Amino acid sequence: MVSGIHSALSGLLALQKKTAATAHNTANVNTDGYKKVRVTLAETTPPGGVEARAEVVATPGPLVQEQTAAGPELVEKSNVDLAEELPNLMLSRRYYQANLKVVQTEDERLGSLLDIKS
């Protein structure tokens, strides 16, 4: 596979995981005790690719006193912060667009090269 396209495709796959984690975090923002997942992007061992590493953030969510069947209890809420998740989603969108542009440019470059050769 061509190096530029391979790099862009690995970036697209990594961003897909990052976006899925953000969507999962956002969907569980009101789930008691939910721990958010953070995805970090890193260079692969043979250089030229990107891999996504997911890890659960174990910091506790806020404690809220709620009335339960057993009486008032402290309930841990989700540690997801929408003020963090939404900007991450917007950044992922731009990174995704940039990787798509690399694939498009590589495709055009290879097309021109084939036109010259034929």
N, C-alpha and C. Protein backbone atom coordinates (compact mmCIF):
# COMPACT_ATOMS: atom_id res chain seq x y z
N MET A 1 0.86 -1.19 0.00
CA MET A 1 0.00 0.00 0.00
C MET A 1 0.89 1.24 0.00
N VAL A 2 0.42 2.29 -0.59
CA VAL A 2 1.17 3.52 -0.69
C VAL A 2 1.26 4.17 0.69
N SER A 3 2.44 4.68 1.03
CA SER A 3 2.72 5.20 2.37
C SER A 3 1.77 6.33 2.80
N GLY A 4 1.55 7.32 1.94
CA GLY A 4 0.68 8.43 2.32
C GLY A 4 -0.75 7.99 2.58
N ILE A 5 -1.23 7.11 1.73
CA ILE A 5 -2.60 6.60 1.90
C ILE A 5 -2.68 5.74 3.15
N HIS A 6 -1.67 4.91 3.39
CA HIS A 6 -1.64 4.06 4.59
C HIS A 6 -1.67 4.91 5.85
N SER A 7 -0.86 5.96 5.89
CA SER A 7 -0.84 6.84 7.06
C SER A 7 -2.19 7.50 7.30
N ALA A 8 -2.79 8.00 6.22
CA ALA A 8 -4.08 8.66 6.34
C ALA A 8 -5.18 7.69 6.77
N LEU A 9 -5.16 6.48 6.22
CA LEU A 9 -6.17 5.50 6.60
C LEU A 9 -6.03 5.06 8.05
N SER A 10 -4.80 4.90 8.53
CA SER A 10 -4.63 4.54 9.94
C SER A 10 -5.09 5.69 10.83
N GLY A 11 -4.88 6.92 10.38
CA GLY A 11 -5.38 8.08 11.12
C GLY A 11 -6.90 8.11 11.15
N LEU A 12 -7.53 7.78 10.02
CA LEU A 12 -8.99 7.75 9.96
C LEU A 12 -9.57 6.68 10.90
N LEU A 13 -8.93 5.51 10.93
CA LEU A 13 -9.40 4.45 11.82
C LEU A 13 -9.23 4.85 13.29
N ALA A 14 -8.11 5.48 13.61
CA ALA A 14 -7.89 5.92 14.99
C ALA A 14 -8.90 6.99 15.39
N LEU A 15 -9.18 7.91 14.48
CA LEU A 15 -10.18 8.96 14.76
C LEU A 15 -11.58 8.38 14.88
N GLN A 16 -11.84 7.30 14.18
CA GLN A 16 -13.13 6.64 14.31
C GLN A 16 -13.31 6.11 15.73
N LYS A 17 -12.25 5.51 16.30
CA LYS A 17 -12.31 5.03 17.68
C LYS A 17 -12.48 6.19 18.66
N LYS A 18 -11.77 7.27 18.40
CA LYS A 18 -11.86 8.44 19.28
C LYS A 18 -13.27 9.03 19.25
N THR A 19 -13.86 9.12 18.07
CA THR A 19 -15.22 9.64 17.94
C THR A 19 -16.23 8.71 18.60
N ALA A 20 -16.04 7.40 18.46
CA ALA A 20 -16.95 6.45 19.09
C ALA A 20 -16.88 6.57 20.62
N ALA A 21 -15.68 6.75 21.16
CA ALA A 21 -15.55 6.92 22.61
C ALA A 21 -16.22 8.21 23.08
N THR A 22 -16.07 9.28 22.31
CA THR A 22 -16.72 10.54 22.66
C THR A 22 -18.24 10.39 22.63
N ALA A 23 -18.75 9.70 21.62
CA ALA A 23 -20.19 9.47 21.53
C ALA A 23 -20.68 8.63 22.71
N HIS A 24 -19.92 7.61 23.08
CA HIS A 24 -20.28 6.76 24.22
C HIS A 24 -20.27 7.56 25.51
N ASN A 25 -19.26 8.39 25.69
CA ASN A 25 -19.18 9.24 26.88
C ASN A 25 -20.37 10.19 26.95
N THR A 26 -20.69 10.81 25.82
CA THR A 26 -21.80 11.77 25.78
C THR A 26 -23.13 11.07 26.07
N ALA A 27 -23.30 9.87 25.55
CA ALA A 27 -24.54 9.13 25.78
C ALA A 27 -24.71 8.75 27.25
N ASN A 28 -23.59 8.61 27.97
CA ASN A 28 -23.65 8.18 29.37
C ASN A 28 -23.40 9.31 30.35
N VAL A 29 -23.57 10.55 29.92
CA VAL A 29 -23.30 11.69 30.79
C VAL A 29 -24.19 11.68 32.03
N ASN A 30 -25.39 11.13 31.94
CA ASN A 30 -26.31 11.10 33.07
C ASN A 30 -26.41 9.72 33.73
N THR A 31 -25.49 8.82 33.41
CA THR A 31 -25.49 7.49 34.01
C THR A 31 -24.70 7.52 35.30
N ASP A 32 -25.36 7.17 36.41
CA ASP A 32 -24.69 7.18 37.72
C ASP A 32 -23.49 6.24 37.72
N GLY A 33 -22.35 6.75 38.21
CA GLY A 33 -21.14 5.94 38.36
C GLY A 33 -20.37 5.66 37.09
N TYR A 34 -20.80 6.17 35.95
CA TYR A 34 -20.10 5.91 34.69
C TYR A 34 -18.75 6.60 34.69
N LYS A 35 -17.72 5.89 34.24
CA LYS A 35 -16.37 6.44 34.10
C LYS A 35 -16.08 6.65 32.63
N LYS A 36 -15.68 7.86 32.27
CA LYS A 36 -15.44 8.17 30.86
C LYS A 36 -14.23 7.44 30.32
N VAL A 37 -14.23 7.29 29.00
CA VAL A 37 -13.13 6.66 28.29
C VAL A 37 -12.40 7.76 27.53
N ARG A 38 -11.08 7.77 27.67
CA ARG A 38 -10.26 8.74 26.95
C ARG A 38 -9.41 7.98 25.94
N VAL A 39 -9.42 8.44 24.71
CA VAL A 39 -8.62 7.82 23.65
C VAL A 39 -7.49 8.76 23.29
N THR A 40 -6.28 8.24 23.34
CA THR A 40 -5.10 9.01 22.93
C THR A 40 -4.55 8.42 21.64
N LEU A 41 -4.03 9.27 20.80
CA LEU A 41 -3.46 8.84 19.54
C LEU A 41 -1.95 8.82 19.66
N ALA A 42 -1.34 7.76 19.13
CA ALA A 42 0.12 7.62 19.20
C ALA A 42 0.63 7.05 17.88
N GLU A 43 1.90 7.33 17.61
CA GLU A 43 2.54 6.79 16.41
C GLU A 43 2.74 5.29 16.57
N THR A 44 2.53 4.55 15.48
CA THR A 44 2.73 3.11 15.53
C THR A 44 4.22 2.78 15.57
N THR A 45 4.52 1.54 15.94
CA THR A 45 5.93 1.13 16.05
C THR A 45 6.67 1.22 14.73
N PRO A 46 6.19 0.62 13.62
CA PRO A 46 6.84 1.05 12.39
C PRO A 46 6.28 2.43 12.05
N PRO A 47 7.12 3.45 12.00
CA PRO A 47 6.62 4.82 11.81
C PRO A 47 5.77 4.96 10.56
N GLY A 48 4.85 5.90 10.64
CA GLY A 48 4.00 6.20 9.49
C GLY A 48 2.54 5.94 9.73
N GLY A 49 2.20 5.38 10.87
CA GLY A 49 0.79 5.09 11.15
C GLY A 49 0.38 5.69 12.48
N VAL A 50 -0.90 5.57 12.78
CA VAL A 50 -1.46 6.10 14.02
C VAL A 50 -2.27 4.99 14.66
N GLU A 51 -2.16 4.86 15.97
CA GLU A 51 -3.00 3.91 16.68
C GLU A 51 -3.73 4.63 17.82
N ALA A 52 -4.90 4.13 18.13
CA ALA A 52 -5.72 4.72 19.19
C ALA A 52 -5.62 3.84 20.43
N ARG A 53 -5.32 4.47 21.56
CA ARG A 53 -5.24 3.75 22.84
C ARG A 53 -6.34 4.28 23.74
N ALA A 54 -7.23 3.39 24.14
CA ALA A 54 -8.35 3.77 24.99
C ALA A 54 -8.04 3.39 26.44
N GLU A 55 -8.40 4.28 27.35
CA GLU A 55 -8.23 4.00 28.77
C GLU A 55 -9.39 4.63 29.54
N VAL A 56 -9.81 3.95 30.58
CA VAL A 56 -10.89 4.47 31.42
C VAL A 56 -10.30 5.45 32.41
N VAL A 57 -10.91 6.61 32.53
CA VAL A 57 -10.46 7.63 33.48
C VAL A 57 -11.15 7.35 34.81
N ALA A 58 -10.36 6.99 35.81
CA ALA A 58 -10.93 6.51 37.08
C ALA A 58 -11.24 7.62 38.08
N THR A 59 -11.08 8.87 37.71
CA THR A 59 -11.40 9.93 38.66
C THR A 59 -12.88 9.87 39.02
N PRO A 60 -13.19 10.06 40.28
CA PRO A 60 -14.60 9.94 40.69
C PRO A 60 -15.43 11.11 40.16
N GLY A 61 -16.69 10.81 39.93
CA GLY A 61 -17.63 11.85 39.54
C GLY A 61 -18.13 12.57 40.78
N PRO A 62 -18.90 13.62 40.61
CA PRO A 62 -19.41 14.36 41.76
C PRO A 62 -20.39 13.50 42.57
N LEU A 63 -20.38 13.70 43.88
CA LEU A 63 -21.31 13.00 44.76
C LEU A 63 -22.53 13.89 45.01
N VAL A 64 -23.69 13.30 44.83
CA VAL A 64 -24.94 14.04 45.00
C VAL A 64 -25.82 13.25 45.96
N GLN A 65 -26.43 13.96 46.89
CA GLN A 65 -27.32 13.29 47.82
C GLN A 65 -28.69 13.12 47.15
N GLU A 66 -29.14 11.86 47.08
CA GLU A 66 -30.42 11.56 46.46
C GLU A 66 -31.27 10.73 47.39
N GLN A 67 -32.55 10.86 47.25
CA GLN A 67 -33.48 10.08 48.04
C GLN A 67 -33.67 8.72 47.37
N THR A 68 -33.38 7.64 48.07
CA THR A 68 -33.56 6.29 47.56
C THR A 68 -34.57 5.56 48.46
N ALA A 69 -34.83 4.31 48.13
CA ALA A 69 -35.75 3.51 48.95
C ALA A 69 -35.22 3.33 50.36
N ALA A 70 -33.90 3.33 50.51
CA ALA A 70 -33.27 3.16 51.83
C ALA A 70 -33.10 4.50 52.55
N GLY A 71 -33.57 5.57 51.96
CA GLY A 71 -33.39 6.89 52.55
C GLY A 71 -32.39 7.70 51.76
N PRO A 72 -31.98 8.86 52.31
CA PRO A 72 -31.01 9.69 51.58
C PRO A 72 -29.64 9.01 51.52
N GLU A 73 -29.06 9.00 50.32
CA GLU A 73 -27.74 8.41 50.12
C GLU A 73 -26.93 9.30 49.18
N LEU A 74 -25.59 9.20 49.32
CA LEU A 74 -24.69 9.87 48.38
C LEU A 74 -24.52 8.97 47.16
N VAL A 75 -24.80 9.51 45.99
CA VAL A 75 -24.69 8.76 44.74
C VAL A 75 -23.63 9.42 43.88
N GLU A 76 -22.70 8.60 43.39
CA GLU A 76 -21.66 9.13 42.49
C GLU A 76 -22.22 9.26 41.09
N LYS A 77 -22.09 10.43 40.53
CA LYS A 77 -22.55 10.68 39.17
C LYS A 77 -21.42 10.39 38.18
N SER A 78 -21.70 10.53 36.91
CA SER A 78 -20.72 10.31 35.86
C SER A 78 -19.61 11.36 35.94
N ASN A 79 -18.40 10.97 35.54
CA ASN A 79 -17.29 11.93 35.52
C ASN A 79 -17.11 12.55 34.13
N VAL A 80 -18.11 12.43 33.26
CA VAL A 80 -18.06 13.00 31.92
C VAL A 80 -18.37 14.49 31.99
N ASP A 81 -17.54 15.28 31.32
CA ASP A 81 -17.74 16.73 31.26
C ASP A 81 -18.01 17.10 29.80
N LEU A 82 -19.23 17.54 29.52
CA LEU A 82 -19.57 17.90 28.14
C LEU A 82 -18.74 19.06 27.61
N ALA A 83 -18.27 19.93 28.50
CA ALA A 83 -17.43 21.04 28.08
C ALA A 83 -16.07 20.55 27.59
N GLU A 84 -15.73 19.31 27.88
CA GLU A 84 -14.50 18.70 27.38
C GLU A 84 -14.80 17.83 26.15
N GLU A 85 -15.91 17.14 26.17
CA GLU A 85 -16.25 16.20 25.10
C GLU A 85 -16.58 16.89 23.77
N LEU A 86 -17.37 17.95 23.81
CA LEU A 86 -17.79 18.61 22.57
C LEU A 86 -16.63 19.25 21.80
N PRO A 87 -15.72 19.98 22.47
CA PRO A 87 -14.56 20.48 21.71
C PRO A 87 -13.69 19.35 21.16
N ASN A 88 -13.56 18.24 21.89
CA ASN A 88 -12.81 17.10 21.37
C ASN A 88 -13.46 16.55 20.11
N LEU A 89 -14.78 16.53 20.09
CA LEU A 89 -15.50 16.06 18.91
C LEU A 89 -15.27 16.98 17.72
N MET A 90 -15.27 18.29 17.96
CA MET A 90 -15.02 19.24 16.88
C MET A 90 -13.60 19.11 16.34
N LEU A 91 -12.63 18.90 17.22
CA LEU A 91 -11.25 18.68 16.77
C LEU A 91 -11.12 17.40 15.96
N SER A 92 -11.77 16.34 16.43
CA SER A 92 -11.72 15.08 15.70
C SER A 92 -12.30 15.23 14.30
N ARG A 93 -13.35 16.04 14.18
CA ARG A 93 -13.95 16.29 12.87
C ARG A 93 -12.94 16.94 11.94
N ARG A 94 -12.20 17.92 12.42
CA ARG A 94 -11.20 18.61 11.58
C ARG A 94 -10.05 17.66 11.22
N TYR A 95 -9.61 16.84 12.18
CA TYR A 95 -8.54 15.88 11.90
C TYR A 95 -8.99 14.88 10.85
N TYR A 96 -10.25 14.46 10.95
CA TYR A 96 -10.81 13.53 9.98
C TYR A 96 -10.81 14.15 8.59
N GLN A 97 -11.23 15.40 8.50
CA GLN A 97 -11.24 16.10 7.21
C GLN A 97 -9.82 16.20 6.63
N ALA A 98 -8.84 16.48 7.49
CA ALA A 98 -7.46 16.59 7.03
C ALA A 98 -6.95 15.26 6.48
N ASN A 99 -7.28 14.16 7.15
CA ASN A 99 -6.85 12.85 6.67
C ASN A 99 -7.55 12.49 5.36
N LEU A 100 -8.82 12.85 5.23
CA LEU A 100 -9.51 12.61 3.96
C LEU A 100 -8.87 13.39 2.82
N LYS A 101 -8.43 14.61 3.12
CA LYS A 101 -7.77 15.43 2.10
C LYS A 101 -6.44 14.78 1.67
N VAL A 102 -5.73 14.17 2.61
CA VAL A 102 -4.48 13.46 2.26
C VAL A 102 -4.78 12.31 1.32
N VAL A 103 -5.82 11.54 1.60
CA VAL A 103 -6.19 10.42 0.73
C VAL A 103 -6.55 10.94 -0.66
N GLN A 104 -7.31 12.02 -0.72
CA GLN A 104 -7.71 12.61 -2.00
C GLN A 104 -6.49 13.09 -2.79
N THR A 105 -5.57 13.76 -2.11
CA THR A 105 -4.37 14.28 -2.76
C THR A 105 -3.49 13.15 -3.27
N GLU A 106 -3.33 12.09 -2.47
CA GLU A 106 -2.53 10.94 -2.90
C GLU A 106 -3.17 10.26 -4.10
N ASP A 107 -4.49 10.18 -4.10
CA ASP A 107 -5.20 9.58 -5.24
C ASP A 107 -4.95 10.39 -6.51
N GLU A 108 -5.05 11.70 -6.40
CA GLU A 108 -4.79 12.57 -7.56
C GLU A 108 -3.35 12.45 -8.03
N ARG A 109 -2.42 12.39 -7.09
CA ARG A 109 -1.00 12.26 -7.43
C ARG A 109 -0.74 10.97 -8.17
N LEU A 110 -1.29 9.86 -7.67
CA LEU A 110 -1.10 8.57 -8.33
C LEU A 110 -1.77 8.55 -9.70
N GLY A 111 -2.93 9.19 -9.82
CA GLY A 111 -3.59 9.29 -11.12
C GLY A 111 -2.74 10.04 -12.12
N SER A 112 -2.15 11.14 -11.70
CA SER A 112 -1.27 11.92 -12.58
C SER A 112 -0.04 11.11 -12.98
N LEU A 113 0.51 10.36 -12.03
CA LEU A 113 1.67 9.54 -12.32
C LEU A 113 1.33 8.46 -13.35
N LEU A 114 0.19 7.85 -13.20
CA LEU A 114 -0.22 6.83 -14.17
C LEU A 114 -0.49 7.43 -15.54
N ASP A 115 -1.03 8.65 -15.60
CA ASP A 115 -1.26 9.32 -16.86
C ASP A 115 0.07 9.62 -17.57
N ILE A 116 1.07 10.00 -16.78
CA ILE A 116 2.38 10.30 -17.36
C ILE A 116 3.03 9.03 -17.90
N LYS A 117 2.90 7.92 -17.15
CA LYS A 117 3.52 6.66 -17.55
C LYS A 117 2.86 6.03 -18.76
N SER A 118 1.57 6.28 -18.96
CA SER A 118 0.87 5.60 -20.06
C SER A 118 0.87 6.37 -21.33
